[in-house]
Amino acid sequence: QVRAARARGLDARIVDGTALPFNAEFDAVFSNAVLHWIKDADAALTSVVQALKPGGRFVAELGGAGCVASIREAFTIALHRYGVDATTLDPWYFPTAKEYRSRLEAHGLTVESLNLFPRPTPLPSDVMSWLGIFAQPFFSGVAKSARPRLAADVRELLKPRLLNTEGTWVVDYVRLRIAAVKRTPSGVT
């Protein structure tokens, strides 16, 4: 996507979300499905607020509390069999609405809307593809030779919860959607 944007003459970059190289340059910052991959939520929000002009808007959607709970639980059970604590490998930060509202406000943002809602998502193929793309950190806890067995174990644990009667895997996503405005020095947004 970055290459395609650059080919169109746009200034597109790949940067660290906790260290955006901008200072009061933008009227808006938008994020979709990124912030739950950044464990240091405060560093990410500091970076976003620094990039915004006073009165600038921050709109985002990220995984919220309860997102992929079935998958996290299945890895906890399966990795325990290998003597591995899954929480040390969990790559995600899924905050509650109350927690994230507090963080936004502490970083100088006025929250205009904040909604936590379930969004069950059907997969176009077997859950194994999803696990291979999004759950790689969990697999790093076991030897390469054990990874296919771990994946199969997780799949079996997920089957009763995520495989519907039509044979479609439906991931238990929960989304947190926010809109906020950077307060001006006078406190007015």
Protein backbone atom coordinates (compact mmCIF):
# COMPACT_ATOMS: atom_id res chain seq x y z
CA GLN A 1 0.00 0.00 0.00
CA VAL A 2 2.85 2.35 0.80
CA ARG A 3 4.50 1.65 -2.58
CA ALA A 4 1.17 2.20 -4.36
CA ALA A 5 0.65 5.52 -2.55
CA ARG A 6 4.19 6.66 -3.38
CA ALA A 7 3.64 5.72 -7.03
CA ARG A 8 0.72 8.17 -7.01
CA GLY A 9 2.98 10.90 -5.64
CA LEU A 10 1.72 10.71 -2.05
CA ASP A 11 3.96 11.04 0.98
CA ALA A 12 3.50 7.58 2.50
CA ARG A 13 5.78 6.13 5.17
CA ILE A 14 6.20 3.17 7.45
CA VAL A 15 6.86 4.45 10.98
CA ASP A 16 6.75 3.25 14.57
CA GLY A 17 3.31 3.99 16.03
CA THR A 18 4.89 4.86 19.38
CA ALA A 19 7.28 7.39 17.85
CA LEU A 20 5.53 9.25 15.04
CA PRO A 21 7.92 11.86 13.64
CA PHE A 22 5.32 14.65 13.51
CA ASN A 23 4.62 17.68 15.66
CA ALA A 24 1.20 19.36 15.41
CA GLU A 25 1.09 18.72 11.66
CA PHE A 26 -2.28 17.04 11.14
CA ASP A 27 -5.94 17.98 11.37
CA ALA A 28 -6.80 14.29 11.79
CA VAL A 29 -5.25 10.94 12.62
CA PHE A 30 -7.07 7.75 11.66
CA SER A 31 -6.17 4.24 12.78
CA ASN A 32 -7.83 0.96 11.85
CA ALA A 33 -6.86 -2.35 13.50
CA VAL A 34 -3.38 -1.19 14.51
CA LEU A 35 -3.52 -0.02 18.11
CA HIS A 36 -4.32 -3.43 19.59
CA TRP A 37 -0.94 -4.60 18.26
CA ILE A 38 0.88 -1.91 20.29
CA LYS A 39 1.26 -3.01 23.91
CA ASP A 40 2.48 0.43 25.03
CA ALA A 41 -0.86 2.22 24.60
CA ASP A 42 0.35 5.36 26.34
CA ALA A 43 3.32 5.77 23.99
CA ALA A 44 1.02 5.33 20.99
CA LEU A 45 -1.46 7.92 22.28
CA THR A 46 1.33 10.36 23.15
CA SER A 47 2.57 10.00 19.58
CA VAL A 48 -0.91 10.53 18.09
CA VAL A 49 -1.60 13.61 20.20
CA GLN A 50 1.80 15.07 19.34
CA ALA A 51 1.04 14.65 15.62
CA LEU A 52 -2.32 16.47 15.91
CA LYS A 53 -2.89 20.19 15.70
CA PRO A 54 -4.95 21.64 18.58
CA GLY A 55 -8.58 20.81 17.80
CA GLY A 56 -7.47 17.93 15.56
CA ARG A 57 -9.57 14.76 15.40
CA PHE A 58 -8.49 11.24 16.31
CA VAL A 59 -10.67 8.46 14.95
CA ALA A 60 -9.79 4.83 15.49
CA GLU A 61 -11.04 1.30 15.67
CA LEU A 62 -9.14 -1.41 17.50
CA GLY A 63 -9.81 -4.69 19.20
CA GLY A 64 -11.47 -4.22 22.55
CA ALA A 65 -11.88 -6.27 25.72
CA GLY A 66 -13.04 -9.76 24.83
CA CYS A 67 -11.67 -9.70 21.28
CA VAL A 68 -10.64 -13.17 20.10
CA ALA A 69 -11.23 -14.47 23.62
CA SER A 70 -11.82 -17.99 22.35
CA ILE A 71 -8.51 -18.01 20.48
CA ARG A 72 -6.57 -16.63 23.43
CA GLU A 73 -8.14 -19.21 25.72
CA ALA A 74 -7.37 -22.05 23.29
CA PHE A 75 -3.71 -21.02 23.13
CA THR A 76 -3.60 -20.79 26.93
CA ILE A 77 -4.84 -24.37 27.23
CA ALA A 78 -2.76 -25.78 24.38
CA LEU A 79 0.48 -24.05 25.37
CA HIS A 80 0.04 -25.15 28.98
CA ARG A 81 0.48 -28.73 27.71
CA TYR A 82 3.97 -27.65 26.56
CA GLY A 83 4.73 -25.92 29.85
CA VAL A 84 4.44 -22.48 28.24
CA ASP A 85 2.59 -19.48 29.74
CA ALA A 86 0.58 -18.05 26.83
CA THR A 87 0.32 -14.62 28.46
CA THR A 88 4.05 -14.09 27.85
CA LEU A 89 3.48 -14.55 24.11
CA ASP A 90 0.16 -12.73 23.71
CA PRO A 91 0.75 -9.96 21.13
CA TRP A 92 -2.46 -8.03 21.75
CA TYR A 93 -3.74 -5.18 23.90
CA PHE A 94 -7.54 -5.26 24.11
CA PRO A 95 -8.71 -2.51 26.51
CA THR A 96 -12.10 -2.00 28.08
CA ALA A 97 -14.05 1.08 27.04
CA LYS A 98 -13.57 2.62 30.49
CA GLU A 99 -9.82 2.00 30.44
CA TYR A 100 -9.36 3.48 26.97
CA ARG A 101 -11.54 6.50 27.72
CA SER A 102 -9.32 7.24 30.74
CA ARG A 103 -6.19 6.92 28.60
CA LEU A 104 -7.58 9.22 25.88
CA GLU A 105 -8.57 11.86 28.42
CA ALA A 106 -5.22 11.61 30.23
CA HIS A 107 -3.50 12.35 26.92
CA GLY A 108 -5.41 15.57 26.31
CA LEU A 109 -8.22 14.25 24.15
CA THR A 110 -11.92 14.98 24.58
CA VAL A 111 -13.90 11.84 23.77
CA GLU A 112 -16.83 12.48 21.44
CA SER A 113 -17.82 8.83 21.09
CA LEU A 114 -16.52 5.52 22.30
CA ASN A 115 -18.28 2.23 21.60
CA LEU A 116 -17.33 -1.35 22.46
CA PHE A 117 -19.30 -3.89 20.44
CA PRO A 118 -19.11 -7.51 19.32
CA ARG A 119 -18.41 -8.04 15.64
CA PRO A 120 -18.42 -11.79 14.89
CA THR A 121 -16.48 -12.18 11.66
CA PRO A 122 -16.87 -15.12 9.27
CA LEU A 123 -13.61 -16.34 7.79
CA PRO A 124 -13.28 -17.15 4.08
CA SER A 125 -11.39 -20.34 4.91
CA ASP A 126 -10.36 -22.61 7.76
CA VAL A 127 -9.28 -21.01 11.04
CA MET A 128 -5.79 -22.43 10.45
CA SER A 129 -5.14 -19.67 7.90
CA TRP A 130 -6.14 -17.01 10.43
CA LEU A 131 -3.92 -18.57 13.10
CA GLY A 132 -0.99 -18.66 10.68
CA ILE A 133 -1.34 -14.97 9.88
CA PHE A 134 -2.40 -13.35 13.14
CA ALA A 135 -1.28 -15.67 15.95
CA GLN A 136 2.37 -16.20 15.04
CA PRO A 137 3.72 -14.96 18.41
CA PHE A 138 2.00 -17.83 20.20
CA PHE A 139 3.75 -20.38 18.00
CA SER A 140 7.15 -18.97 18.91
CA GLY A 141 6.75 -20.56 22.34
CA VAL A 142 7.36 -24.06 21.01
CA ALA A 143 9.94 -25.74 18.77
CA LYS A 144 9.26 -25.51 15.02
CA SER A 145 8.67 -29.24 14.93
CA ALA A 146 5.85 -28.87 17.51
CA ARG A 147 4.04 -26.00 15.77
CA PRO A 148 1.82 -28.07 13.46
CA ARG A 149 0.62 -30.11 16.46
CA LEU A 150 0.02 -26.92 18.47
CA ALA A 151 -2.02 -25.46 15.61
CA ALA A 152 -4.07 -28.65 15.33
CA ASP A 153 -4.67 -28.66 19.09
CA VAL A 154 -5.83 -25.03 19.02
CA ARG A 155 -8.11 -25.76 16.05
CA GLU A 156 -9.75 -28.65 17.91
CA LEU A 157 -10.27 -26.50 21.01
CA LEU A 158 -11.86 -23.76 18.87
CA LYS A 159 -14.14 -26.01 16.85
CA PRO A 160 -17.06 -26.09 19.34
CA ARG A 161 -16.96 -22.31 19.80
CA LEU A 162 -16.09 -20.86 16.40
CA LEU A 163 -17.22 -23.36 13.76
CA ASN A 164 -20.90 -22.81 12.99
CA THR A 165 -23.42 -25.38 11.77
CA GLU A 166 -22.87 -24.34 8.15
CA GLY A 167 -19.16 -25.17 8.42
CA THR A 168 -17.99 -21.54 8.56
CA TRP A 169 -15.44 -20.40 11.09
CA VAL A 170 -16.59 -17.19 12.81
CA VAL A 171 -14.00 -15.34 14.88
CA ASP A 172 -15.23 -13.64 18.04
CA TYR A 173 -14.02 -10.12 17.35
CA VAL A 174 -14.94 -7.29 19.69
CA ARG A 175 -14.23 -3.80 18.42
CA LEU A 176 -13.61 -0.51 20.22
CA ARG A 177 -14.48 2.47 18.01
CA ILE A 178 -13.52 5.96 19.14
CA ALA A 179 -13.71 9.56 18.01
CA ALA A 180 -11.90 12.21 20.02
CA VAL A 181 -10.57 15.74 19.63
CA LYS A 182 -7.28 17.17 20.86
CA ARG A 183 -7.95 19.86 23.42
CA THR A 184 -6.65 23.32 22.62
CA PRO A 185 -4.36 25.08 25.08
CA SER A 186 -7.39 26.88 26.52
CA GLY A 187 -9.11 23.51 27.02
CA VAL A 188 -11.77 24.17 24.38
CA THR A 189 -12.07 21.59 21.60
